[in-house]
Amino acid sequence: MQGEVQTGAAIDAYVSKKNPKLKPVTDAVRALVRKAVPKSREAINPWGIPTFEWTSLQDSSKLLEGTGKNLRHVKLREISNVHDANLKQLILEAKALNRAQPLGPAMRAKKTSAKR
C-alpha cells in the first residue's frame, strides 16, 4: 500500500510539472484502469514516465502509438479520449495478455522513492 501511495504521488508530481491541465485526464484514466483491472499496478518506468505495466497488444482499434514491441503509448489529451470504448477494450486486452504472459524482470518499471 505504501509503495502505491508513493507511486501515486510521484505520478501526480510528474503531471503537475509536465502539464497540469492534463490532471483531470490522468485522474480519469487512472480511475478507468483501476475499475477495469483492480489488481493493476501503476509505476514510473525507467525513463521517468508514469505507466501501467502492460506488454505487447494486438490493438485492433489502432489507439497505440509508437513502434516499440513493448513500449507504445496512447495519447489522451482530453477526458473524452478516456471515455472511448476502444480504450477500455485495450485495457481489458492488456489484462488478459498480462495474465497469460506476465512481464519479466527486465520489463518491470523501477520502483520510485517519491514521498507523499
PDB file of N, CA and C in Angstrom:
ATOM      1  N   MET A   1       0.818  -1.197   0.000  1.00  0.00           N
ATOM      2  CA  MET A   1       0.000   0.000   0.000  1.00  0.00           C
ATOM      3  C   MET A   1       0.862   1.260   0.000  1.00  0.00           C
ATOM      4  N   GLN A   2       1.922   1.280   0.826  1.00  0.00           N
ATOM      5  CA  GLN A   2       2.763   2.465   0.907  1.00  0.00           C
ATOM      6  C   GLN A   2       3.438   2.735  -0.436  1.00  0.00           C
ATOM      7  N   GLY A   3       3.898   1.679  -1.127  1.00  0.00           N
ATOM      8  CA  GLY A   3       4.505   1.847  -2.441  1.00  0.00           C
ATOM      9  C   GLY A   3       3.529   2.444  -3.437  1.00  0.00           C
ATOM     10  N   GLU A   4       2.260   2.021  -3.351  1.00  0.00           N
ATOM     11  CA  GLU A   4       1.236   2.556  -4.243  1.00  0.00           C
ATOM     12  C   GLU A   4       1.013   4.043  -3.985  1.00  0.00           C
ATOM     13  N   VAL A   5       1.005   4.433  -2.716  1.00  0.00           N
ATOM     14  CA  VAL A   5       0.825   5.840  -2.361  1.00  0.00           C
ATOM     15  C   VAL A   5       2.002   6.649  -2.889  1.00  0.00           C
ATOM     16  N   GLN A   6       3.228   6.140  -2.724  1.00  0.00           N
ATOM     17  CA  GLN A   6       4.415   6.837  -3.207  1.00  0.00           C
ATOM     18  C   GLN A   6       4.373   6.979  -4.726  1.00  0.00           C
ATOM     19  N   THR A   7       4.006   5.906  -5.416  1.00  0.00           N
ATOM     20  CA  THR A   7       3.936   5.965  -6.871  1.00  0.00           C
ATOM     21  C   THR A   7       2.846   6.930  -7.308  1.00  0.00           C
ATOM     22  N   GLY A   8       1.691   6.888  -6.663  1.00  0.00           N
ATOM     23  CA  GLY A   8       0.616   7.825  -6.983  1.00  0.00           C
ATOM     24  C   GLY A   8       1.056   9.260  -6.814  1.00  0.00           C
ATOM     25  N   ALA A   9       1.778   9.533  -5.752  1.00  0.00           N
ATOM     26  CA  ALA A   9       2.279  10.890  -5.504  1.00  0.00           C
ATOM     27  C   ALA A   9       3.307  11.288  -6.566  1.00  0.00           C
ATOM     28  N   ALA A  10       4.136  10.341  -6.966  1.00  0.00           N
ATOM     29  CA  ALA A  10       5.137  10.625  -7.997  1.00  0.00           C
ATOM     30  C   ALA A  10       4.455  10.913  -9.335  1.00  0.00           C
ATOM     31  N   ILE A  11       3.394  10.193  -9.642  1.00  0.00           N
ATOM     32  CA  ILE A  11       2.656  10.427 -10.883  1.00  0.00           C
ATOM     33  C   ILE A  11       1.972  11.783 -10.825  1.00  0.00           C
ATOM     34  N   ASP A  12       1.364  12.103  -9.699  1.00  0.00           N
ATOM     35  CA  ASP A  12       0.734  13.430  -9.538  1.00  0.00           C
ATOM     36  C   ASP A  12       1.771  14.538  -9.749  1.00  0.00           C
ATOM     37  N   ALA A  13       2.953  14.363  -9.177  1.00  0.00           N
ATOM     38  CA  ALA A  13       4.015  15.370  -9.309  1.00  0.00           C
ATOM     39  C   ALA A  13       4.474  15.485 -10.761  1.00  0.00           C
ATOM     40  N   TYR A  14       4.599  14.353 -11.446  1.00  0.00           N
ATOM     41  CA  TYR A  14       5.007  14.351 -12.851  1.00  0.00           C
ATOM     42  C   TYR A  14       4.011  15.136 -13.700  1.00  0.00           C
ATOM     43  N   VAL A  15       2.724  14.854 -13.519  1.00  0.00           N
ATOM     44  CA  VAL A  15       1.687  15.526 -14.298  1.00  0.00           C
ATOM     45  C   VAL A  15       1.656  17.017 -13.973  1.00  0.00           C
ATOM     46  N   SER A  16       1.766  17.355 -12.699  1.00  0.00           N
ATOM     47  CA  SER A  16       1.755  18.765 -12.297  1.00  0.00           C
ATOM     48  C   SER A  16       2.921  19.534 -12.917  1.00  0.00           C
ATOM     49  N   LYS A  17       4.056  18.871 -13.024  1.00  0.00           N
ATOM     50  CA  LYS A  17       5.237  19.518 -13.587  1.00  0.00           C
ATOM     51  C   LYS A  17       5.152  19.608 -15.115  1.00  0.00           C
ATOM     52  N   LYS A  18       4.750  18.524 -15.767  1.00  0.00           N
ATOM     53  CA  LYS A  18       4.747  18.476 -17.232  1.00  0.00           C
ATOM     54  C   LYS A  18       3.577  19.223 -17.867  1.00  0.00           C
ATOM     55  N   ASN A  19       2.378  19.019 -17.335  1.00  0.00           N
ATOM     56  CA  ASN A  19       1.202  19.666 -17.919  1.00  0.00           C
ATOM     57  C   ASN A  19       0.028  19.582 -16.948  1.00  0.00           C
ATOM     58  N   PRO A  20      -0.092  20.526 -16.031  1.00  0.00           N
ATOM     59  CA  PRO A  20      -1.155  20.492 -15.024  1.00  0.00           C
ATOM     60  C   PRO A  20      -2.564  20.448 -15.614  1.00  0.00           C
ATOM     61  N   LYS A  21      -2.746  20.939 -16.837  1.00  0.00           N
ATOM     62  CA  LYS A  21      -4.073  20.910 -17.460  1.00  0.00           C
ATOM     63  C   LYS A  21      -4.544  19.485 -17.723  1.00  0.00           C
ATOM     64  N   LEU A  22      -3.613  18.525 -17.751  1.00  0.00           N
ATOM     65  CA  LEU A  22      -3.978  17.133 -18.016  1.00  0.00           C
ATOM     66  C   LEU A  22      -4.346  16.360 -16.748  1.00  0.00           C
ATOM     67  N   LYS A  23      -4.291  17.014 -15.593  1.00  0.00           N
ATOM     68  CA  LYS A  23      -4.607  16.316 -14.330  1.00  0.00           C
ATOM     69  C   LYS A  23      -5.990  15.652 -14.364  1.00  0.00           C
ATOM     70  N   PRO A  24      -7.050  16.318 -14.840  1.00  0.00           N
ATOM     71  CA  PRO A  24      -8.352  15.636 -14.895  1.00  0.00           C
ATOM     72  C   PRO A  24      -8.345  14.411 -15.821  1.00  0.00           C
ATOM     73  N   VAL A  25      -7.588  14.499 -16.911  1.00  0.00           N
ATOM     74  CA  VAL A  25      -7.488  13.367 -17.846  1.00  0.00           C
ATOM     75  C   VAL A  25      -6.742  12.214 -17.184  1.00  0.00           C
ATOM     76  N   THR A  26      -5.636  12.544 -16.525  1.00  0.00           N
ATOM     77  CA  THR A  26      -4.854  11.500 -15.849  1.00  0.00           C
ATOM     78  C   THR A  26      -5.665  10.845 -14.741  1.00  0.00           C
ATOM     79  N   ASP A  27      -6.365  11.645 -13.979  1.00  0.00           N
ATOM     80  CA  ASP A  27      -7.207  11.083 -12.913  1.00  0.00           C
ATOM     81  C   ASP A  27      -8.274  10.166 -13.496  1.00  0.00           C
ATOM     82  N   ALA A  28      -8.868  10.566 -14.619  1.00  0.00           N
ATOM     83  CA  ALA A  28      -9.924   9.760 -15.242  1.00  0.00           C
ATOM     84  C   ALA A  28      -9.387   8.438 -15.773  1.00  0.00           C
ATOM     85  N   VAL A  29      -8.238   8.474 -16.428  1.00  0.00           N
ATOM     86  CA  VAL A  29      -7.700   7.220 -16.971  1.00  0.00           C
ATOM     87  C   VAL A  29      -7.217   6.298 -15.849  1.00  0.00           C
ATOM     88  N   ARG A  30      -6.659   6.864 -14.795  1.00  0.00           N
ATOM     89  CA  ARG A  30      -6.238   6.035 -13.664  1.00  0.00           C
ATOM     90  C   ARG A  30      -7.452   5.360 -13.026  1.00  0.00           C
ATOM     91  N   ALA A  31      -8.550   6.105 -12.897  1.00  0.00           N
ATOM     92  CA  ALA A  31      -9.781   5.527 -12.340  1.00  0.00           C
ATOM     93  C   ALA A  31     -10.330   4.432 -13.251  1.00  0.00           C
ATOM     94  N   LEU A  32     -10.288   4.658 -14.565  1.00  0.00           N
ATOM     95  CA  LEU A  32     -10.759   3.656 -15.525  1.00  0.00           C
ATOM     96  C   LEU A  32      -9.954   2.367 -15.406  1.00  0.00           C
ATOM     97  N   VAL A  33      -8.637   2.491 -15.346  1.00  0.00           N
ATOM     98  CA  VAL A  33      -7.791   1.302 -15.251  1.00  0.00           C
ATOM     99  C   VAL A  33      -8.039   0.586 -13.927  1.00  0.00           C
ATOM    100  N   ARG A  34      -8.131   1.323 -12.846  1.00  0.00           N
ATOM    101  CA  ARG A  34      -8.376   0.681 -11.544  1.00  0.00           C
ATOM    102  C   ARG A  34      -9.712  -0.063 -11.533  1.00  0.00           C
ATOM    103  N   LYS A  35     -10.723   0.499 -12.208  1.00  0.00           N
ATOM    104  CA  LYS A  35     -12.029  -0.154 -12.258  1.00  0.00           C
ATOM    105  C   LYS A  35     -11.990  -1.388 -13.156  1.00  0.00           C
ATOM    106  N   ALA A  36     -11.355  -1.274 -14.318  1.00  0.00           N
ATOM    107  CA  ALA A  36     -11.303  -2.381 -15.268  1.00  0.00           C
ATOM    108  C   ALA A  36     -10.338  -3.477 -14.831  1.00  0.00           C
ATOM    109  N   VAL A  37      -9.253  -3.087 -14.168  1.00  0.00           N
ATOM    110  CA  VAL A  37      -8.216  -4.038 -13.755  1.00  0.00           C
ATOM    111  C   VAL A  37      -7.814  -3.714 -12.318  1.00  0.00           C
ATOM    112  N   PRO A  38      -8.647  -4.131 -11.359  1.00  0.00           N
ATOM    113  CA  PRO A  38      -8.409  -3.744  -9.963  1.00  0.00           C
ATOM    114  C   PRO A  38      -7.029  -4.108  -9.408  1.00  0.00           C
ATOM    115  N   LYS A  39      -6.412  -5.141  -9.921  1.00  0.00           N
ATOM    116  CA  LYS A  39      -5.104  -5.556  -9.403  1.00  0.00           C
ATOM    117  C   LYS A  39      -3.949  -4.969 -10.196  1.00  0.00           C
ATOM    118  N   SER A  40      -4.227  -4.010 -11.079  1.00  0.00           N
ATOM    119  CA  SER A  40      -3.150  -3.396 -11.852  1.00  0.00           C
ATOM    120  C   SER A  40      -2.251  -2.581 -10.932  1.00  0.00           C
ATOM    121  N   ARG A  41      -1.064  -2.296 -11.414  1.00  0.00           N
ATOM    122  CA  ARG A  41      -0.096  -1.566 -10.608  1.00  0.00           C
ATOM    123  C   ARG A  41       0.469  -0.414 -11.425  1.00  0.00           C
ATOM    124  N   GLU A  42       0.341   0.788 -10.895  1.00  0.00           N
ATOM    125  CA  GLU A  42       0.949   1.949 -11.525  1.00  0.00           C
ATOM    126  C   GLU A  42       2.444   1.914 -11.253  1.00  0.00           C
ATOM    127  N   ALA A  43       3.187   2.507 -12.165  1.00  0.00           N
ATOM    128  CA  ALA A  43       4.635   2.532 -11.988  1.00  0.00           C
ATOM    129  C   ALA A  43       5.202   3.762 -12.690  1.00  0.00           C
ATOM    130  N   ILE A  44       6.435   4.063 -12.371  1.00  0.00           N
ATOM    131  CA  ILE A  44       7.218   5.050 -13.099  1.00  0.00           C
ATOM    132  C   ILE A  44       8.232   4.220 -13.879  1.00  0.00           C
ATOM    133  N   ASN A  45       8.173   4.298 -15.212  1.00  0.00           N
ATOM    134  CA  ASN A  45       9.062   3.437 -15.991  1.00  0.00           C
ATOM    135  C   ASN A  45      10.504   3.926 -15.914  1.00  0.00           C
ATOM    136  N   PRO A  46      11.462   3.166 -16.468  1.00  0.00           N
ATOM    137  CA  PRO A  46      12.875   3.558 -16.358  1.00  0.00           C
ATOM    138  C   PRO A  46      13.196   4.925 -16.958  1.00  0.00           C
ATOM    139  N   TRP A  47      12.323   5.465 -17.788  1.00  0.00           N
ATOM    140  CA  TRP A  47      12.530   6.777 -18.387  1.00  0.00           C
ATOM    141  C   TRP A  47      11.834   7.871 -17.589  1.00  0.00           C
ATOM    142  N   GLY A  48      11.282   7.522 -16.439  1.00  0.00           N
ATOM    143  CA  GLY A  48      10.653   8.503 -15.569  1.00  0.00           C
ATOM    144  C   GLY A  48       9.238   8.875 -15.954  1.00  0.00           C
ATOM    145  N   ILE A  49       8.583   8.044 -16.762  1.00  0.00           N
ATOM    146  CA  ILE A  49       7.237   8.343 -17.238  1.00  0.00           C
ATOM    147  C   ILE A  49       6.232   7.423 -16.530  1.00  0.00           C
ATOM    148  N   PRO A  50       5.138   7.984 -16.023  1.00  0.00           N
ATOM    149  CA  PRO A  50       4.116   7.149 -15.385  1.00  0.00           C
ATOM    150  C   PRO A  50       3.542   6.144 -16.385  1.00  0.00           C
ATOM    151  N   THR A  51       3.297   4.957 -15.903  1.00  0.00           N
ATOM    152  CA  THR A  51       2.798   3.908 -16.784  1.00  0.00           C
ATOM    153  C   THR A  51       2.074   2.839 -15.989  1.00  0.00           C
ATOM    154  N   PHE A  52       1.231   2.100 -16.651  1.00  0.00           N
ATOM    155  CA  PHE A  52       0.731   0.851 -16.114  1.00  0.00           C
ATOM    156  C   PHE A  52       1.536  -0.214 -16.811  1.00  0.00           C
ATOM    157  N   GLU A  53       1.873  -1.275 -16.120  1.00  0.00           N
ATOM    158  CA  GLU A  53       2.735  -2.293 -16.700  1.00  0.00           C
ATOM    159  C   GLU A  53       1.934  -3.236 -17.584  1.00  0.00           C
ATOM    160  N   TRP A  54       2.120  -3.068 -18.872  1.00  0.00           N
ATOM    161  CA  TRP A  54       1.493  -3.915 -19.877  1.00  0.00           C
ATOM    162  C   TRP A  54       2.560  -4.336 -20.863  1.00  0.00           C
ATOM    163  N   THR A  55       2.247  -5.296 -21.672  1.00  0.00           N
ATOM    164  CA  THR A  55       3.196  -5.737 -22.697  1.00  0.00           C
ATOM    165  C   THR A  55       2.550  -5.589 -24.069  1.00  0.00           C
ATOM    166  N   SER A  56       3.040  -6.257 -25.056  1.00  0.00           N
ATOM    167  CA  SER A  56       2.543  -6.121 -26.430  1.00  0.00           C
ATOM    168  C   SER A  56       1.064  -6.458 -26.542  1.00  0.00           C
ATOM    169  N   LEU A  57       0.359  -5.681 -27.352  1.00  0.00           N
ATOM    170  CA  LEU A  57      -1.078  -5.854 -27.549  1.00  0.00           C
ATOM    171  C   LEU A  57      -1.402  -5.887 -29.033  1.00  0.00           C
ATOM    172  N   GLN A  58      -2.517  -6.492 -29.384  1.00  0.00           N
ATOM    173  CA  GLN A  58      -2.968  -6.505 -30.778  1.00  0.00           C
ATOM    174  C   GLN A  58      -3.452  -5.130 -31.210  1.00  0.00           C
ATOM    175  N   ASP A  59      -4.206  -4.442 -30.384  1.00  0.00           N
ATOM    176  CA  ASP A  59      -4.691  -3.086 -30.627  1.00  0.00           C
ATOM    177  C   ASP A  59      -5.436  -2.950 -31.954  1.00  0.00           C
ATOM    178  N   SER A  60      -6.533  -3.671 -32.085  1.00  0.00           N
ATOM    179  CA  SER A  60      -7.310  -3.637 -33.324  1.00  0.00           C
ATOM    180  C   SER A  60      -7.904  -2.259 -33.612  1.00  0.00           C
ATOM    181  N   SER A  61      -8.070  -1.422 -32.613  1.00  0.00           N
ATOM    182  CA  SER A  61      -8.638  -0.085 -32.827  1.00  0.00           C
ATOM    183  C   SER A  61      -7.566   0.963 -33.153  1.00  0.00           C
ATOM    184  N   LYS A  62      -6.302   0.551 -33.142  1.00  0.00           N
ATOM    185  CA  LYS A  62      -5.177   1.429 -33.509  1.00  0.00           C
ATOM    186  C   LYS A  62      -5.036   2.656 -32.608  1.00  0.00           C
ATOM    187  N   LEU A  63      -5.244   2.454 -31.317  1.00  0.00           N
ATOM    188  CA  LEU A  63      -5.043   3.549 -30.359  1.00  0.00           C
ATOM    189  C   LEU A  63      -3.576   3.731 -29.988  1.00  0.00           C
ATOM    190  N   LEU A  64      -2.830   2.629 -29.977  1.00  0.00           N
ATOM    191  CA  LEU A  64      -1.437   2.694 -29.553  1.00  0.00           C
ATOM    192  C   LEU A  64      -0.574   3.393 -30.601  1.00  0.00           C
ATOM    193  N   GLU A  65       0.334   4.224 -30.118  1.00  0.00           N
ATOM    194  CA  GLU A  65       1.275   4.913 -30.986  1.00  0.00           C
ATOM    195  C   GLU A  65       2.682   4.471 -30.637  1.00  0.00           C
ATOM    196  N   GLY A  66       3.589   4.636 -31.554  1.00  0.00           N
ATOM    197  CA  GLY A  66       4.974   4.233 -31.346  1.00  0.00           C
ATOM    198  C   GLY A  66       5.258   2.934 -32.082  1.00  0.00           C
ATOM    199  N   THR A  67       6.531   2.593 -32.155  1.00  0.00           N
ATOM    200  CA  THR A  67       6.943   1.428 -32.929  1.00  0.00           C
ATOM    201  C   THR A  67       7.536   0.313 -32.083  1.00  0.00           C
ATOM    202  N   GLY A  68       7.695   0.532 -30.804  1.00  0.00           N
ATOM    203  CA  GLY A  68       8.323  -0.474 -29.958  1.00  0.00           C
ATOM    204  C   GLY A  68       7.448  -1.695 -29.740  1.00  0.00           C
ATOM    205  N   LYS A  69       8.088  -2.826 -29.538  1.00  0.00           N
ATOM    206  CA  LYS A  69       7.352  -4.059 -29.277  1.00  0.00           C
ATOM    207  C   LYS A  69       6.692  -4.010 -27.897  1.00  0.00           C
ATOM    208  N   ASN A  70       7.397  -3.480 -26.932  1.00  0.00           N
ATOM    209  CA  ASN A  70       6.892  -3.446 -25.563  1.00  0.00           C
ATOM    210  C   ASN A  70       6.663  -2.040 -25.026  1.00  0.00           C
ATOM    211  N   LEU A  71       6.998  -1.040 -25.786  1.00  0.00           N
ATOM    212  CA  LEU A  71       6.824   0.333 -25.329  1.00  0.00           C
ATOM    213  C   LEU A  71       6.077   1.139 -26.386  1.00  0.00           C
ATOM    214  N   ARG A  72       4.792   1.183 -26.242  1.00  0.00           N
ATOM    215  CA  ARG A  72       3.957   2.032 -27.080  1.00  0.00           C
ATOM    216  C   ARG A  72       3.040   2.785 -26.139  1.00  0.00           C
ATOM    217  N   HIS A  73       2.317   3.744 -26.634  1.00  0.00           N
ATOM    218  CA  HIS A  73       1.527   4.593 -25.751  1.00  0.00           C
ATOM    219  C   HIS A  73       0.227   5.013 -26.426  1.00  0.00           C
ATOM    220  N   VAL A  74      -0.695   5.460 -25.609  1.00  0.00           N
ATOM    221  CA  VAL A  74      -1.949   6.038 -26.085  1.00  0.00           C
ATOM    222  C   VAL A  74      -1.936   7.490 -25.639  1.00  0.00           C
ATOM    223  N   LYS A  75      -2.160   8.399 -26.565  1.00  0.00           N
ATOM    224  CA  LYS A  75      -2.208   9.817 -26.207  1.00  0.00           C
ATOM    225  C   LYS A  75      -3.629  10.165 -25.790  1.00  0.00           C
ATOM    226  N   LEU A  76      -3.748  10.667 -24.584  1.00  0.00           N
ATOM    227  CA  LEU A  76      -5.035  11.088 -24.033  1.00  0.00           C
ATOM    228  C   LEU A  76      -4.932  12.569 -23.717  1.00  0.00           C
ATOM    229  N   ARG A  77      -5.571  13.366 -24.521  1.00  0.00           N
ATOM    230  CA  ARG A  77      -5.441  14.813 -24.361  1.00  0.00           C
ATOM    231  C   ARG A  77      -6.633  15.445 -23.663  1.00  0.00           C
ATOM    232  N   GLU A  78      -7.748  14.737 -23.653  1.00  0.00           N
ATOM    233  CA  GLU A  78      -8.944  15.268 -23.001  1.00  0.00           C
ATOM    234  C   GLU A  78      -9.771  14.109 -22.450  1.00  0.00           C
ATOM    235  N   ILE A  79     -10.660  14.418 -21.528  1.00  0.00           N
ATOM    236  CA  ILE A  79     -11.434  13.378 -20.850  1.00  0.00           C
ATOM    237  C   ILE A  79     -12.248  12.550 -21.834  1.00  0.00           C
ATOM    238  N   SER A  80     -12.716  13.142 -22.920  1.00  0.00           N
ATOM    239  CA  SER A  80     -13.492  12.367 -23.898  1.00  0.00           C
ATOM    240  C   SER A  80     -12.676  11.209 -24.470  1.00  0.00           C
ATOM    241  N   ASN A  81     -11.338  11.365 -24.552  1.00  0.00           N
ATOM    242  CA  ASN A  81     -10.489  10.259 -25.006  1.00  0.00           C
ATOM    243  C   ASN A  81     -10.573   9.078 -24.054  1.00  0.00           C
ATOM    244  N   VAL A  82     -10.703   9.368 -22.776  1.00  0.00           N
ATOM    245  CA  VAL A  82     -10.755   8.314 -21.750  1.00  0.00           C
ATOM    246  C   VAL A  82     -12.063   7.533 -21.846  1.00  0.00           C
ATOM    247  N   HIS A  83     -13.121   8.184 -22.305  1.00  0.00           N
ATOM    248  CA  HIS A  83     -14.424   7.530 -22.398  1.00  0.00           C
ATOM    249  C   HIS A  83     -14.604   6.728 -23.682  1.00  0.00           C
ATOM    250  N   ASP A  84     -13.591   6.671 -24.517  1.00  0.00           N
ATOM    251  CA  ASP A  84     -13.633   5.886 -25.748  1.00  0.00           C
ATOM    252  C   ASP A  84     -13.714   4.403 -25.384  1.00  0.00           C
ATOM    253  N   ALA A  85     -14.731   3.721 -25.866  1.00  0.00           N
ATOM    254  CA  ALA A  85     -14.916   2.293 -25.557  1.00  0.00           C
ATOM    255  C   ALA A  85     -13.716   1.469 -26.011  1.00  0.00           C
ATOM    256  N   ASN A  86     -13.044   1.915 -27.052  1.00  0.00           N
ATOM    257  CA  ASN A  86     -11.869   1.187 -27.531  1.00  0.00           C
ATOM    258  C   ASN A  86     -10.732   1.209 -26.515  1.00  0.00           C
ATOM    259  N   LEU A  87     -10.636   2.285 -25.739  1.00  0.00           N
ATOM    260  CA  LEU A  87      -9.608   2.360 -24.708  1.00  0.00           C
ATOM    261  C   LEU A  87      -9.874   1.319 -23.630  1.00  0.00           C
ATOM    262  N   LYS A  88     -11.107   1.229 -23.177  1.00  0.00           N
ATOM    263  CA  LYS A  88     -11.428   0.219 -22.166  1.00  0.00           C
ATOM    264  C   LYS A  88     -11.153  -1.177 -22.713  1.00  0.00           C
ATOM    265  N   GLN A  89     -11.486  -1.406 -23.976  1.00  0.00           N
ATOM    266  CA  GLN A  89     -11.220  -2.713 -24.595  1.00  0.00           C
ATOM    267  C   GLN A  89      -9.721  -2.995 -24.616  1.00  0.00           C
ATOM    268  N   LEU A  90      -8.912  -1.987 -24.918  1.00  0.00           N
ATOM    269  CA  LEU A  90      -7.463  -2.147 -24.924  1.00  0.00           C
ATOM    270  C   LEU A  90      -6.947  -2.494 -23.530  1.00  0.00           C
ATOM    271  N   ILE A  91      -7.508  -1.855 -22.527  1.00  0.00           N
ATOM    272  CA  ILE A  91      -7.123  -2.136 -21.137  1.00  0.00           C
ATOM    273  C   ILE A  91      -7.471  -3.573 -20.776  1.00  0.00           C
ATOM    274  N   LEU A  92      -8.650  -4.019 -21.147  1.00  0.00           N
ATOM    275  CA  LEU A  92      -9.049  -5.402 -20.853  1.00  0.00           C
ATOM    276  C   LEU A  92      -8.201  -6.404 -21.648  1.00  0.00           C
ATOM    277  N   GLU A  93      -7.816  -6.032 -22.861  1.00  0.00           N
ATOM    278  CA  GLU A  93      -6.925  -6.868 -23.664  1.00  0.00           C
ATOM    279  C   GLU A  93      -5.563  -7.000 -22.974  1.00  0.00           C
ATOM    280  N   ALA A  94      -5.077  -5.882 -22.432  1.00  0.00           N
ATOM    281  CA  ALA A  94      -3.806  -5.893 -21.711  1.00  0.00           C
ATOM    282  C   ALA A  94      -3.899  -6.774 -20.473  1.00  0.00           C
ATOM    283  N   LYS A  95      -5.018  -6.692 -19.791  1.00  0.00           N
ATOM    284  CA  LYS A  95      -5.226  -7.514 -18.599  1.00  0.00           C
ATOM    285  C   LYS A  95      -5.137  -8.996 -18.956  1.00  0.00           C
ATOM    286  N   ALA A  96      -5.832  -9.385 -20.016  1.00  0.00           N
ATOM    287  CA  ALA A  96      -5.825 -10.794 -20.434  1.00  0.00           C
ATOM    288  C   ALA A  96      -4.428 -11.227 -20.876  1.00  0.00           C
ATOM    289  N   LEU A  97      -3.752 -10.375 -21.623  1.00  0.00           N
ATOM    290  CA  LEU A  97      -2.416 -10.703 -22.099  1.00  0.00           C
ATOM    291  C   LEU A  97      -1.427 -10.825 -20.945  1.00  0.00           C
ATOM    292  N   ASN A  98      -1.507  -9.910 -19.990  1.00  0.00           N
ATOM    293  CA  ASN A  98      -0.592  -9.984 -18.853  1.00  0.00           C
ATOM    294  C   ASN A  98      -0.873 -11.170 -17.952  1.00  0.00           C
ATOM    295  N   ARG A  99      -2.123 -11.600 -17.929  1.00  0.00           N
ATOM    296  CA  ARG A  99      -2.436 -12.802 -17.167  1.00  0.00           C
ATOM    297  C   ARG A  99      -1.777 -14.010 -17.842  1.00  0.00           C
ATOM    298  N   ALA A 100      -1.819 -14.047 -19.168  1.00  0.00           N
ATOM    299  CA  ALA A 100      -1.253 -15.159 -19.926  1.00  0.00           C
ATOM    300  C   ALA A 100       0.271 -15.076 -20.008  1.00  0.00           C
ATOM    301  N   GLN A 101       0.802 -13.851 -20.105  1.00  0.00           N
ATOM    302  CA  GLN A 101       2.246 -13.646 -20.267  1.00  0.00           C
ATOM    303  C   GLN A 101       2.709 -12.513 -19.364  1.00  0.00           C
ATOM    304  N   PRO A 102       2.901 -12.774 -18.078  1.00  0.00           N
ATOM    305  CA  PRO A 102       3.317 -11.700 -17.167  1.00  0.00           C
ATOM    306  C   PRO A 102       4.656 -11.090 -17.591  1.00  0.00           C
ATOM    307  N   LEU A 103       4.854  -9.835 -17.258  1.00  0.00           N
ATOM    308  CA  LEU A 103       6.111  -9.162 -17.562  1.00  0.00           C
ATOM    309  C   LEU A 103       7.248  -9.804 -16.793  1.00  0.00           C
ATOM    310  N   GLY A 104       8.380  -9.940 -17.442  1.00  0.00           N
ATOM    311  CA  GLY A 104       9.575 -10.432 -16.781  1.00  0.00           C
ATOM    312  C   GLY A 104      10.282  -9.281 -16.086  1.00  0.00           C
ATOM    313  N   PRO A 105      11.295  -9.588 -15.276  1.00  0.00           N
ATOM    314  CA  PRO A 105      12.007  -8.547 -14.522  1.00  0.00           C
ATOM    315  C   PRO A 105      12.603  -7.449 -15.402  1.00  0.00           C
ATOM    316  N   ALA A 106      13.058  -7.779 -16.602  1.00  0.00           N
ATOM    317  CA  ALA A 106      13.679  -6.779 -17.473  1.00  0.00           C
ATOM    318  C   ALA A 106      12.689  -5.711 -17.926  1.00  0.00           C
ATOM    319  N   MET A 107      11.395  -6.038 -17.996  1.00  0.00           N
ATOM    320  CA  MET A 107      10.395  -5.082 -18.456  1.00  0.00           C
ATOM    321  C   MET A 107       9.693  -4.369 -17.314  1.00  0.00           C
ATOM    322  N   ARG A 108       9.961  -4.750 -16.085  1.00  0.00           N
ATOM    323  CA  ARG A 108       9.301  -4.104 -14.958  1.00  0.00           C
ATOM    324  C   ARG A 108       9.880  -2.725 -14.714  1.00  0.00           C
ATOM    325  N   ALA A 109       9.035  -1.805 -14.360  1.00  0.00           N
ATOM    326  CA  ALA A 109       9.466  -0.443 -14.054  1.00  0.00           C
ATOM    327  C   ALA A 109      10.212  -0.416 -12.741  1.00  0.00           C
ATOM    328  N   LYS A 110      11.129   0.538 -12.628  1.00  0.00           N
ATOM    329  CA  LYS A 110      11.861   0.714 -11.376  1.00  0.00           C
ATOM    330  C   LYS A 110      10.914   1.299 -10.339  1.00  0.00           C
ATOM    331  N   LYS A 111      11.117   0.923  -9.094  1.00  0.00           N
ATOM    332  CA  LYS A 111      10.294   1.482  -8.022  1.00  0.00           C
ATOM    333  C   LYS A 111      10.734   2.902  -7.744  1.00  0.00           C
ATOM    334  N   THR A 112       9.767   3.723  -7.433  1.00  0.00           N
ATOM    335  CA  THR A 112      10.057   5.128  -7.154  1.00  0.00           C
ATOM    336  C   THR A 112      10.146   5.344  -5.646  1.00  0.00           C
ATOM    337  N   SER A 113      10.897   6.353  -5.264  1.00  0.00           N
ATOM    338  CA  SER A 113      11.006   6.641  -3.832  1.00  0.00           C
ATOM    339  C   SER A 113      10.344   7.971  -3.478  1.00  0.00           C
ATOM    340  N   ALA A 114       9.459   8.433  -4.340  1.00  0.00           N
ATOM    341  CA  ALA A 114       8.761   9.700  -4.064  1.00  0.00           C
ATOM    342  C   ALA A 114       7.925   9.578  -2.803  1.00  0.00           C
ATOM    343  N   LYS A 115       7.859  10.663  -2.067  1.00  0.00           N
ATOM    344  CA  LYS A 115       7.067  10.658  -0.825  1.00  0.00           C
ATOM    345  C   LYS A 115       5.857  11.549  -0.987  1.00  0.00           C
ATOM    346  N   ARG A 116       4.790  11.179  -0.335  1.00  0.00           N
ATOM    347  CA  ARG A 116       3.559  11.966  -0.386  1.00  0.00           C
ATOM    348  C   ARG A 116       3.463  12.860   0.812  1.00  0.00           C
TER     349      ARG A 116
END
